[in-house]
N, C-alpha and C. Protein backbone atom coordinates (compact mmCIF):
# COMPACT_ATOMS: atom_id res chain seq x y z
N MET A 1 115.81 90.87 80.28
CA MET A 1 114.76 90.01 79.75
C MET A 1 115.41 88.95 78.90
N ASN A 2 115.22 87.73 79.21
CA ASN A 2 115.82 86.66 78.46
C ASN A 2 114.73 86.00 77.64
N VAL A 3 114.56 86.48 76.40
CA VAL A 3 113.44 86.03 75.60
C VAL A 3 113.65 84.65 75.03
N ASN A 4 114.88 84.15 75.00
CA ASN A 4 115.11 82.88 74.36
C ASN A 4 115.77 81.85 75.26
N ALA A 5 115.51 81.91 76.55
CA ALA A 5 116.15 81.00 77.48
C ALA A 5 115.90 79.54 77.12
N ASP A 6 114.67 79.17 76.80
CA ASP A 6 114.34 77.80 76.45
C ASP A 6 114.01 77.65 74.98
N ASP A 7 114.27 78.67 74.19
CA ASP A 7 113.77 78.68 72.82
C ASP A 7 114.76 79.38 71.89
N ASP A 8 116.05 79.02 71.97
CA ASP A 8 117.06 79.69 71.15
C ASP A 8 116.72 79.67 69.67
N ASP A 9 116.46 78.47 69.13
CA ASP A 9 116.18 78.35 67.70
C ASP A 9 114.90 79.07 67.31
N GLY A 10 113.87 78.95 68.16
CA GLY A 10 112.60 79.61 67.86
C GLY A 10 112.74 81.12 67.81
N PHE A 11 113.48 81.69 68.77
CA PHE A 11 113.63 83.14 68.75
C PHE A 11 114.46 83.58 67.54
N ARG A 12 115.50 82.84 67.23
CA ARG A 12 116.30 83.18 66.04
C ARG A 12 115.43 83.13 64.79
N ASP A 13 114.58 82.12 64.70
CA ASP A 13 113.67 82.02 63.55
C ASP A 13 112.73 83.22 63.50
N ARG A 14 112.21 83.62 64.67
CA ARG A 14 111.30 84.77 64.69
C ARG A 14 112.03 86.07 64.34
N MET A 15 113.30 86.17 64.75
CA MET A 15 114.10 87.35 64.34
C MET A 15 114.28 87.37 62.83
N ASN A 16 114.48 86.22 62.23
CA ASN A 16 114.59 86.16 60.77
C ASN A 16 113.29 86.60 60.11
N VAL A 17 112.16 86.23 60.68
CA VAL A 17 110.87 86.69 60.16
C VAL A 17 110.76 88.20 60.29
N ALA A 18 111.18 88.75 61.43
CA ALA A 18 111.13 90.20 61.64
C ALA A 18 111.98 90.92 60.59
N ILE A 19 113.16 90.40 60.34
CA ILE A 19 114.05 91.00 59.34
C ILE A 19 113.42 90.95 57.96
N GLU A 20 112.84 89.79 57.63
CA GLU A 20 112.18 89.64 56.33
C GLU A 20 110.99 90.58 56.19
N MET A 21 110.16 90.65 57.25
CA MET A 21 108.96 91.50 57.21
C MET A 21 109.32 92.98 57.06
N ALA A 22 110.45 93.38 57.62
CA ALA A 22 110.87 94.78 57.55
C ALA A 22 111.54 95.11 56.22
N GLY A 23 111.85 94.10 55.40
CA GLY A 23 112.49 94.35 54.12
C GLY A 23 114.01 94.21 54.17
N GLY A 24 114.51 93.48 55.15
CA GLY A 24 115.94 93.26 55.27
C GLY A 24 116.50 93.85 56.56
N ILE A 25 117.70 93.43 56.87
CA ILE A 25 118.30 93.84 58.14
C ILE A 25 118.59 95.34 58.18
N THR A 26 119.01 95.91 57.05
CA THR A 26 119.29 97.35 57.02
C THR A 26 118.00 98.15 57.23
N ALA A 27 116.92 97.71 56.59
CA ALA A 27 115.64 98.40 56.75
C ALA A 27 115.14 98.28 58.19
N LEU A 28 115.28 97.10 58.79
CA LEU A 28 114.85 96.91 60.18
C LEU A 28 115.70 97.77 61.11
N ALA A 29 116.99 97.84 60.85
CA ALA A 29 117.87 98.67 61.68
C ALA A 29 117.44 100.14 61.60
N ARG A 30 117.17 100.60 60.40
CA ARG A 30 116.78 101.99 60.21
C ARG A 30 115.45 102.32 60.91
N THR A 31 114.46 101.45 60.75
CA THR A 31 113.14 101.76 61.31
C THR A 31 113.04 101.47 62.81
N SER A 32 113.88 100.57 63.32
CA SER A 32 113.83 100.26 64.75
C SER A 32 114.77 101.13 65.57
N GLY A 33 115.72 101.79 64.90
CA GLY A 33 116.70 102.60 65.62
C GLY A 33 117.84 101.79 66.20
N LEU A 34 117.94 100.53 65.81
CA LEU A 34 119.02 99.66 66.28
C LEU A 34 120.04 99.47 65.16
N SER A 35 121.23 99.07 65.51
CA SER A 35 122.27 98.88 64.50
C SER A 35 122.15 97.51 63.84
N ASP A 36 122.71 97.39 62.63
CA ASP A 36 122.76 96.10 61.94
C ASP A 36 123.45 95.06 62.82
N GLY A 37 124.54 95.46 63.48
CA GLY A 37 125.32 94.54 64.31
C GLY A 37 124.52 94.00 65.48
N VAL A 38 123.75 94.86 66.13
CA VAL A 38 122.92 94.42 67.25
C VAL A 38 121.87 93.44 66.76
N LEU A 39 121.24 93.75 65.64
CA LEU A 39 120.23 92.85 65.09
C LEU A 39 120.85 91.51 64.69
N GLN A 40 122.06 91.54 64.17
CA GLN A 40 122.75 90.30 63.81
C GLN A 40 123.00 89.45 65.06
N LYS A 41 123.37 90.09 66.17
CA LYS A 41 123.58 89.35 67.43
C LYS A 41 122.29 88.65 67.84
N TYR A 42 121.17 89.37 67.78
CA TYR A 42 119.90 88.78 68.15
C TYR A 42 119.55 87.63 67.20
N ARG A 43 119.80 87.85 65.92
CA ARG A 43 119.50 86.85 64.89
C ARG A 43 120.29 85.57 65.11
N LYS A 44 121.53 85.71 65.56
CA LYS A 44 122.41 84.56 65.76
C LYS A 44 122.29 83.96 67.15
N GLY A 45 121.52 84.61 68.04
CA GLY A 45 121.36 84.10 69.39
C GLY A 45 122.50 84.48 70.31
N GLY A 46 123.34 85.42 69.90
CA GLY A 46 124.47 85.82 70.73
C GLY A 46 124.10 86.78 71.83
N SER A 47 122.90 87.32 71.78
CA SER A 47 122.45 88.29 72.77
C SER A 47 120.93 88.34 72.74
N ASP A 48 120.34 88.73 73.86
CA ASP A 48 118.89 88.89 73.95
C ASP A 48 118.56 90.37 73.99
N PRO A 49 117.50 90.78 73.27
CA PRO A 49 117.12 92.19 73.32
C PRO A 49 116.46 92.56 74.64
N SER A 50 116.64 93.81 75.04
CA SER A 50 115.91 94.33 76.19
C SER A 50 114.45 94.46 75.78
N ARG A 51 113.60 94.69 76.74
CA ARG A 51 112.17 94.83 76.45
C ARG A 51 111.93 95.99 75.49
N SER A 52 112.59 97.12 75.73
CA SER A 52 112.36 98.28 74.86
C SER A 52 112.84 98.01 73.44
N ARG A 53 113.94 97.27 73.30
CA ARG A 53 114.43 96.93 71.96
C ARG A 53 113.51 95.92 71.28
N LEU A 54 112.99 94.98 72.04
CA LEU A 54 112.06 94.01 71.48
C LEU A 54 110.81 94.72 70.97
N ILE A 55 110.34 95.70 71.72
CA ILE A 55 109.19 96.50 71.30
C ILE A 55 109.51 97.23 70.00
N ALA A 56 110.70 97.83 69.91
CA ALA A 56 111.10 98.56 68.71
C ALA A 56 111.14 97.62 67.50
N ILE A 57 111.67 96.42 67.68
CA ILE A 57 111.74 95.45 66.59
C ILE A 57 110.34 95.03 66.15
N ALA A 58 109.46 94.77 67.12
CA ALA A 58 108.09 94.37 66.79
C ALA A 58 107.38 95.48 66.01
N LYS A 59 107.50 96.71 66.48
CA LYS A 59 106.85 97.83 65.79
C LYS A 59 107.40 98.01 64.38
N ALA A 60 108.72 97.94 64.25
CA ALA A 60 109.36 98.18 62.95
C ALA A 60 109.04 97.07 61.95
N SER A 61 108.82 95.86 62.42
CA SER A 61 108.58 94.73 61.52
C SER A 61 107.10 94.45 61.31
N GLY A 62 106.25 95.02 62.14
CA GLY A 62 104.82 94.77 62.02
C GLY A 62 104.39 93.48 62.69
N LEU A 63 105.29 92.87 63.46
CA LEU A 63 104.95 91.64 64.18
C LEU A 63 104.35 91.97 65.53
N SER A 64 103.56 91.04 66.06
CA SER A 64 103.03 91.26 67.40
C SER A 64 104.16 91.04 68.40
N LEU A 65 104.18 91.83 69.43
CA LEU A 65 105.21 91.73 70.45
C LEU A 65 105.18 90.35 71.11
N ARG A 66 104.00 89.89 71.43
CA ARG A 66 103.88 88.58 72.09
C ARG A 66 104.46 87.47 71.21
N TRP A 67 104.11 87.49 69.92
CA TRP A 67 104.61 86.44 69.04
C TRP A 67 106.13 86.53 68.89
N LEU A 68 106.64 87.73 68.72
CA LEU A 68 108.08 87.89 68.56
C LEU A 68 108.82 87.39 69.80
N ALA A 69 108.32 87.71 70.97
CA ALA A 69 108.99 87.32 72.21
C ALA A 69 108.85 85.84 72.53
N THR A 70 107.67 85.27 72.26
CA THR A 70 107.40 83.92 72.75
C THR A 70 107.04 82.91 71.68
N GLY A 71 106.64 83.38 70.51
CA GLY A 71 106.16 82.47 69.48
C GLY A 71 104.70 82.10 69.69
N GLU A 72 104.05 82.70 70.66
CA GLU A 72 102.65 82.41 70.97
C GLU A 72 101.75 83.52 70.44
N GLY A 73 100.50 83.17 70.22
CA GLY A 73 99.52 84.17 69.81
C GLY A 73 99.58 84.48 68.33
N LEU A 74 98.93 85.56 67.96
CA LEU A 74 98.86 85.97 66.57
C LEU A 74 100.21 86.54 66.13
N ARG A 75 100.57 86.28 64.88
CA ARG A 75 101.91 86.62 64.39
C ARG A 75 102.10 88.11 64.13
N THR A 76 101.16 88.75 63.51
CA THR A 76 101.37 90.16 63.15
C THR A 76 100.53 91.10 64.00
N ALA A 77 100.97 92.33 64.09
CA ALA A 77 100.22 93.35 64.82
C ALA A 77 98.87 93.58 64.16
N ALA A 78 98.83 93.49 62.83
CA ALA A 78 97.57 93.68 62.10
C ALA A 78 96.56 92.59 62.48
N GLU A 79 97.03 91.35 62.62
CA GLU A 79 96.14 90.26 63.04
C GLU A 79 95.60 90.52 64.44
N VAL A 80 96.45 91.01 65.33
CA VAL A 80 96.02 91.34 66.69
C VAL A 80 94.97 92.44 66.64
N ASP A 81 95.23 93.50 65.84
CA ASP A 81 94.28 94.60 65.72
C ASP A 81 92.93 94.11 65.20
N ARG A 82 92.96 93.25 64.17
CA ARG A 82 91.71 92.72 63.61
C ARG A 82 90.96 91.88 64.66
N ALA A 83 91.69 91.06 65.39
CA ALA A 83 91.06 90.23 66.42
C ALA A 83 90.45 91.10 67.52
N GLU A 84 91.17 92.14 67.93
CA GLU A 84 90.65 93.04 68.97
C GLU A 84 89.42 93.78 68.46
N ALA A 85 89.45 94.20 67.20
CA ALA A 85 88.29 94.91 66.63
C ALA A 85 87.09 93.97 66.56
N ALA A 86 87.32 92.72 66.19
CA ALA A 86 86.23 91.75 66.07
C ALA A 86 85.62 91.41 67.41
N THR A 87 86.44 91.41 68.46
CA THR A 87 85.93 91.05 69.78
C THR A 87 85.54 92.25 70.62
N GLY A 88 85.85 93.45 70.11
CA GLY A 88 85.55 94.66 70.87
C GLY A 88 86.55 94.91 71.97
N ALA A 89 87.65 94.20 71.96
CA ALA A 89 88.68 94.38 72.99
C ALA A 89 89.50 95.61 72.66
N GLY A 90 89.95 96.31 73.71
CA GLY A 90 90.79 97.48 73.52
C GLY A 90 92.25 97.14 73.75
N THR A 91 93.06 98.17 73.86
CA THR A 91 94.48 97.98 74.07
C THR A 91 94.75 97.20 75.36
N MET A 92 94.04 97.53 76.41
CA MET A 92 94.20 96.83 77.68
C MET A 92 93.08 95.81 77.75
N ARG A 93 93.28 94.65 77.15
CA ARG A 93 92.23 93.65 77.06
C ARG A 93 91.92 93.04 78.41
N ARG A 94 90.65 92.72 78.61
CA ARG A 94 90.21 92.08 79.84
C ARG A 94 89.72 90.69 79.48
N ASP A 95 90.62 89.88 78.93
CA ASP A 95 90.29 88.52 78.55
C ASP A 95 90.08 87.67 79.80
N GLU A 96 89.61 86.48 79.58
CA GLU A 96 89.52 85.51 80.67
C GLU A 96 90.94 85.24 81.13
N PRO A 97 91.21 85.28 82.42
CA PRO A 97 92.55 85.05 82.93
C PRO A 97 93.06 83.66 82.56
N SER A 98 94.38 83.54 82.45
CA SER A 98 94.97 82.30 81.99
C SER A 98 95.22 81.29 83.10
N SER A 99 95.24 81.70 84.33
CA SER A 99 95.51 80.75 85.41
C SER A 99 94.58 81.01 86.58
N ALA A 100 94.55 80.04 87.47
CA ALA A 100 93.70 80.20 88.66
C ALA A 100 94.14 81.38 89.49
N ALA A 101 95.45 81.59 89.61
CA ALA A 101 95.95 82.73 90.38
C ALA A 101 95.52 84.04 89.73
N ASP A 102 95.63 84.10 88.38
CA ASP A 102 95.20 85.30 87.67
C ASP A 102 93.70 85.53 87.86
N ARG A 103 92.90 84.43 87.86
CA ARG A 103 91.46 84.57 88.02
C ARG A 103 91.12 85.21 89.35
N GLY A 104 91.83 84.84 90.41
CA GLY A 104 91.57 85.44 91.72
C GLY A 104 91.84 86.93 91.69
N LEU A 105 92.96 87.33 91.11
CA LEU A 105 93.30 88.75 91.00
C LEU A 105 92.28 89.45 90.11
N TYR A 106 91.95 88.82 89.00
CA TYR A 106 91.01 89.38 88.03
C TYR A 106 89.66 89.62 88.70
N GLU A 107 89.15 88.62 89.41
CA GLU A 107 87.84 88.75 90.03
C GLU A 107 87.84 89.79 91.14
N SER A 108 88.95 89.91 91.88
CA SER A 108 88.99 90.89 92.96
C SER A 108 89.01 92.31 92.44
N ARG A 109 89.45 92.50 91.22
CA ARG A 109 89.53 93.84 90.63
C ARG A 109 88.34 94.14 89.71
N GLU A 110 87.51 93.13 89.46
CA GLU A 110 86.43 93.25 88.48
C GLU A 110 85.54 94.46 88.71
N ALA A 111 85.09 94.66 89.92
CA ALA A 111 84.15 95.75 90.19
C ALA A 111 84.83 97.11 90.18
N ALA A 112 86.10 97.17 90.51
CA ALA A 112 86.78 98.45 90.67
C ALA A 112 87.31 99.02 89.37
N ALA A 113 87.65 98.19 88.41
CA ALA A 113 88.33 98.67 87.20
C ALA A 113 87.34 98.95 86.08
N PRO A 114 87.63 99.96 85.26
CA PRO A 114 86.78 100.24 84.10
C PRO A 114 87.00 99.18 83.03
N ALA A 115 86.11 99.10 82.06
CA ALA A 115 86.24 98.11 80.99
C ALA A 115 87.50 98.33 80.18
N ASN A 116 87.91 99.57 80.00
CA ASN A 116 89.13 99.86 79.24
C ASN A 116 89.85 100.98 79.98
N LEU A 117 90.97 100.65 80.59
CA LEU A 117 91.67 101.64 81.42
C LEU A 117 92.17 102.83 80.62
N HIS A 118 92.37 102.68 79.31
CA HIS A 118 92.82 103.81 78.51
C HIS A 118 91.70 104.83 78.28
N GLU A 119 90.45 104.42 78.44
CA GLU A 119 89.34 105.33 78.20
C GLU A 119 89.18 106.37 79.31
N ALA A 120 89.52 106.03 80.53
CA ALA A 120 89.32 106.95 81.65
C ALA A 120 90.48 106.90 82.63
N PRO A 121 91.72 107.13 82.16
CA PRO A 121 92.85 106.98 83.06
C PRO A 121 92.82 107.94 84.24
N ALA A 122 92.47 109.17 84.03
CA ALA A 122 92.52 110.15 85.12
C ALA A 122 91.53 109.82 86.22
N ALA A 123 90.36 109.33 85.84
CA ALA A 123 89.33 109.01 86.83
C ALA A 123 89.77 107.90 87.77
N TYR A 124 90.70 107.08 87.34
CA TYR A 124 91.15 105.96 88.16
C TYR A 124 92.59 106.14 88.62
N GLY A 125 93.15 107.33 88.44
CA GLY A 125 94.52 107.58 88.86
C GLY A 125 95.53 106.80 88.05
N TRP A 126 95.19 106.42 86.85
CA TRP A 126 96.02 105.57 85.99
C TRP A 126 96.59 106.41 84.86
N ASP A 127 97.89 106.41 84.74
CA ASP A 127 98.57 107.12 83.66
C ASP A 127 99.37 106.10 82.86
N PRO A 128 98.80 105.56 81.77
CA PRO A 128 99.47 104.49 81.03
C PRO A 128 100.84 104.88 80.49
N GLN A 129 101.00 106.13 80.04
CA GLN A 129 102.29 106.56 79.52
C GLN A 129 103.34 106.60 80.62
N LEU A 130 102.95 107.05 81.79
CA LEU A 130 103.88 107.08 82.92
C LEU A 130 104.28 105.66 83.32
N MET A 131 103.31 104.75 83.36
CA MET A 131 103.62 103.36 83.70
C MET A 131 104.57 102.76 82.66
N GLU A 132 104.29 103.00 81.39
CA GLU A 132 105.18 102.48 80.34
C GLU A 132 106.59 103.03 80.53
N GLY A 133 106.69 104.31 80.85
CA GLY A 133 108.00 104.91 81.08
C GLY A 133 108.72 104.26 82.24
N CYS A 134 108.01 103.95 83.32
CA CYS A 134 108.62 103.29 84.47
C CYS A 134 109.12 101.90 84.11
N ILE A 135 108.33 101.18 83.34
CA ILE A 135 108.74 99.83 82.91
C ILE A 135 109.99 99.91 82.05
N LEU A 136 110.01 100.85 81.11
CA LEU A 136 111.16 100.99 80.23
C LEU A 136 112.41 101.42 81.00
N ILE A 137 112.25 102.29 81.98
CA ILE A 137 113.40 102.73 82.79
C ILE A 137 114.01 101.54 83.52
N VAL A 138 113.17 100.74 84.16
CA VAL A 138 113.67 99.57 84.90
C VAL A 138 114.36 98.61 83.95
N ASN A 139 113.74 98.37 82.80
CA ASN A 139 114.34 97.45 81.84
C ASN A 139 115.66 97.98 81.31
N ASP A 140 115.71 99.26 80.97
CA ASP A 140 116.94 99.85 80.46
C ASP A 140 118.05 99.84 81.51
N LEU A 141 117.70 100.12 82.76
CA LEU A 141 118.70 100.06 83.83
C LEU A 141 119.25 98.65 84.00
N ALA A 142 118.36 97.65 83.96
CA ALA A 142 118.81 96.26 84.08
C ALA A 142 119.79 95.93 82.96
N HIS A 143 119.47 96.40 81.77
CA HIS A 143 120.33 96.15 80.61
C HIS A 143 121.66 96.89 80.75
N GLU A 144 121.61 98.17 81.07
CA GLU A 144 122.81 98.99 81.18
C GLU A 144 123.72 98.55 82.32
N LEU A 145 123.12 98.16 83.45
CA LEU A 145 123.90 97.75 84.61
C LEU A 145 124.20 96.25 84.59
N ASP A 146 123.69 95.55 83.56
CA ASP A 146 123.87 94.11 83.43
C ASP A 146 123.48 93.41 84.73
N ARG A 147 122.30 93.79 85.23
CA ARG A 147 121.82 93.26 86.50
C ARG A 147 120.34 92.97 86.38
N GLN A 148 119.98 91.72 86.47
CA GLN A 148 118.58 91.33 86.34
C GLN A 148 117.94 91.18 87.71
N LEU A 149 116.71 91.61 87.82
CA LEU A 149 115.94 91.45 89.04
C LEU A 149 114.99 90.27 88.86
N ASN A 150 114.64 89.61 89.95
CA ASN A 150 113.61 88.59 89.81
C ASN A 150 112.28 89.30 89.56
N ALA A 151 111.30 88.56 89.10
CA ALA A 151 110.03 89.16 88.68
C ALA A 151 109.35 89.94 89.80
N ALA A 152 109.36 89.41 91.01
CA ALA A 152 108.71 90.10 92.13
C ALA A 152 109.41 91.41 92.45
N ALA A 153 110.74 91.39 92.48
CA ALA A 153 111.50 92.62 92.77
C ALA A 153 111.29 93.65 91.66
N GLU A 154 111.26 93.18 90.42
CA GLU A 154 111.06 94.09 89.29
C GLU A 154 109.66 94.74 89.37
N ALA A 155 108.65 93.94 89.67
CA ALA A 155 107.29 94.47 89.77
C ALA A 155 107.18 95.50 90.89
N LYS A 156 107.76 95.19 92.05
CA LYS A 156 107.73 96.13 93.18
C LYS A 156 108.45 97.42 92.83
N LEU A 157 109.59 97.31 92.14
CA LEU A 157 110.34 98.51 91.76
C LEU A 157 109.54 99.35 90.77
N ILE A 158 108.93 98.73 89.80
CA ILE A 158 108.12 99.46 88.82
C ILE A 158 106.98 100.20 89.52
N LEU A 159 106.30 99.52 90.42
CA LEU A 159 105.20 100.16 91.15
C LEU A 159 105.69 101.31 92.02
N GLU A 160 106.84 101.12 92.68
CA GLU A 160 107.39 102.19 93.52
C GLU A 160 107.79 103.39 92.66
N LEU A 161 108.44 103.15 91.52
CA LEU A 161 108.79 104.26 90.62
C LEU A 161 107.53 104.97 90.13
N TYR A 162 106.53 104.20 89.78
CA TYR A 162 105.28 104.78 89.30
C TYR A 162 104.65 105.66 90.38
N ARG A 163 104.59 105.14 91.61
CA ARG A 163 104.03 105.90 92.73
C ARG A 163 104.80 107.21 92.95
N LEU A 164 106.13 107.10 92.98
CA LEU A 164 106.96 108.29 93.19
C LEU A 164 106.83 109.29 92.03
N GLU A 165 106.79 108.76 90.81
CA GLU A 165 106.64 109.65 89.65
C GLU A 165 105.29 110.37 89.68
N LEU A 166 104.22 109.66 90.08
CA LEU A 166 102.91 110.31 90.20
C LEU A 166 102.95 111.43 91.23
N GLU A 167 103.57 111.15 92.38
CA GLU A 167 103.68 112.18 93.42
C GLU A 167 104.46 113.39 92.90
N ARG A 168 105.59 113.13 92.28
CA ARG A 168 106.42 114.23 91.76
C ARG A 168 105.70 114.98 90.65
N LYS A 169 104.99 114.25 89.80
CA LYS A 169 104.25 114.88 88.70
C LYS A 169 103.21 115.86 89.25
N GLN A 170 102.54 115.47 90.32
CA GLN A 170 101.54 116.34 90.94
C GLN A 170 102.18 117.58 91.54
N GLN A 171 103.46 117.47 91.92
CA GLN A 171 104.20 118.60 92.47
C GLN A 171 104.95 119.38 91.39
N GLY A 172 104.80 118.95 90.12
CA GLY A 172 105.48 119.61 89.02
C GLY A 172 106.97 119.28 88.95
N GLU A 173 107.36 118.15 89.51
CA GLU A 173 108.77 117.75 89.52
C GLU A 173 108.93 116.38 88.86
N ARG A 174 110.19 115.95 88.72
CA ARG A 174 110.50 114.62 88.20
C ARG A 174 111.52 113.96 89.12
N LEU A 175 111.55 112.64 89.10
CA LEU A 175 112.59 111.93 89.85
C LEU A 175 113.94 112.18 89.19
N ARG A 176 114.97 112.29 90.00
CA ARG A 176 116.32 112.46 89.47
C ARG A 176 116.89 111.08 89.14
N THR A 177 117.79 111.06 88.17
CA THR A 177 118.41 109.81 87.74
C THR A 177 119.06 109.08 88.91
N GLY A 178 119.75 109.80 89.76
CA GLY A 178 120.41 109.18 90.91
C GLY A 178 119.43 108.47 91.83
N GLU A 179 118.24 109.07 92.00
CA GLU A 179 117.21 108.44 92.84
C GLU A 179 116.74 107.12 92.24
N VAL A 180 116.56 107.13 90.93
CA VAL A 180 116.09 105.94 90.24
C VAL A 180 117.13 104.83 90.32
N VAL A 181 118.39 105.16 90.07
CA VAL A 181 119.47 104.16 90.14
C VAL A 181 119.57 103.61 91.56
N ARG A 182 119.47 104.48 92.59
CA ARG A 182 119.53 104.03 93.97
C ARG A 182 118.41 103.05 94.27
N LEU A 183 117.19 103.36 93.84
CA LEU A 183 116.07 102.47 94.05
C LEU A 183 116.30 101.13 93.35
N PHE A 184 116.84 101.19 92.13
CA PHE A 184 117.11 99.97 91.38
C PHE A 184 118.12 99.10 92.13
N MET A 185 119.19 99.69 92.60
CA MET A 185 120.24 98.94 93.31
C MET A 185 119.70 98.35 94.61
N GLN A 186 118.81 99.06 95.29
CA GLN A 186 118.23 98.54 96.53
C GLN A 186 117.25 97.41 96.26
N ALA A 187 116.64 97.40 95.09
CA ALA A 187 115.64 96.38 94.77
C ALA A 187 116.25 95.00 94.59
N GLY A 188 117.50 94.96 94.15
CA GLY A 188 118.16 93.65 93.89
C GLY A 188 118.62 93.05 95.12
């Protein structure tokens, strides 16, 4: 994940805000589980955090993930929570789609999806924790193998892992690491 491809200075500034909000770099390192050195690299623009690390930094600093990654939207997680509470939106918000392409997808799924997928995951075959795990696995593999997938390949891989994990979960099994790595290598 290249969070600062077109926004080096902006991301560095947002990292400085994260460090300040957490009470300093040592405090952010302790609460995020990352080292001072790694956070310094991000702060200086020498490296980009993986998705899972960006999430850890956002949680530890109290900043919204979207704002930390892009500079867009509400700055703090508390502001996001207040806005969601005021609008009645849940964790999986069903806002008006941002583009015409999204609107087509949104409208085609309108009748089939519940208002809040977290409220009835089992009824719709949706396991949010499993999906999050699949996303994190793909992201961590990309980071560890220093191999980025294009967005379409990454999405297909995440969905395939999710499908396979659901099947294995129903059988009381888990995917083996070798299977996951093989799928990742084939996806690129």
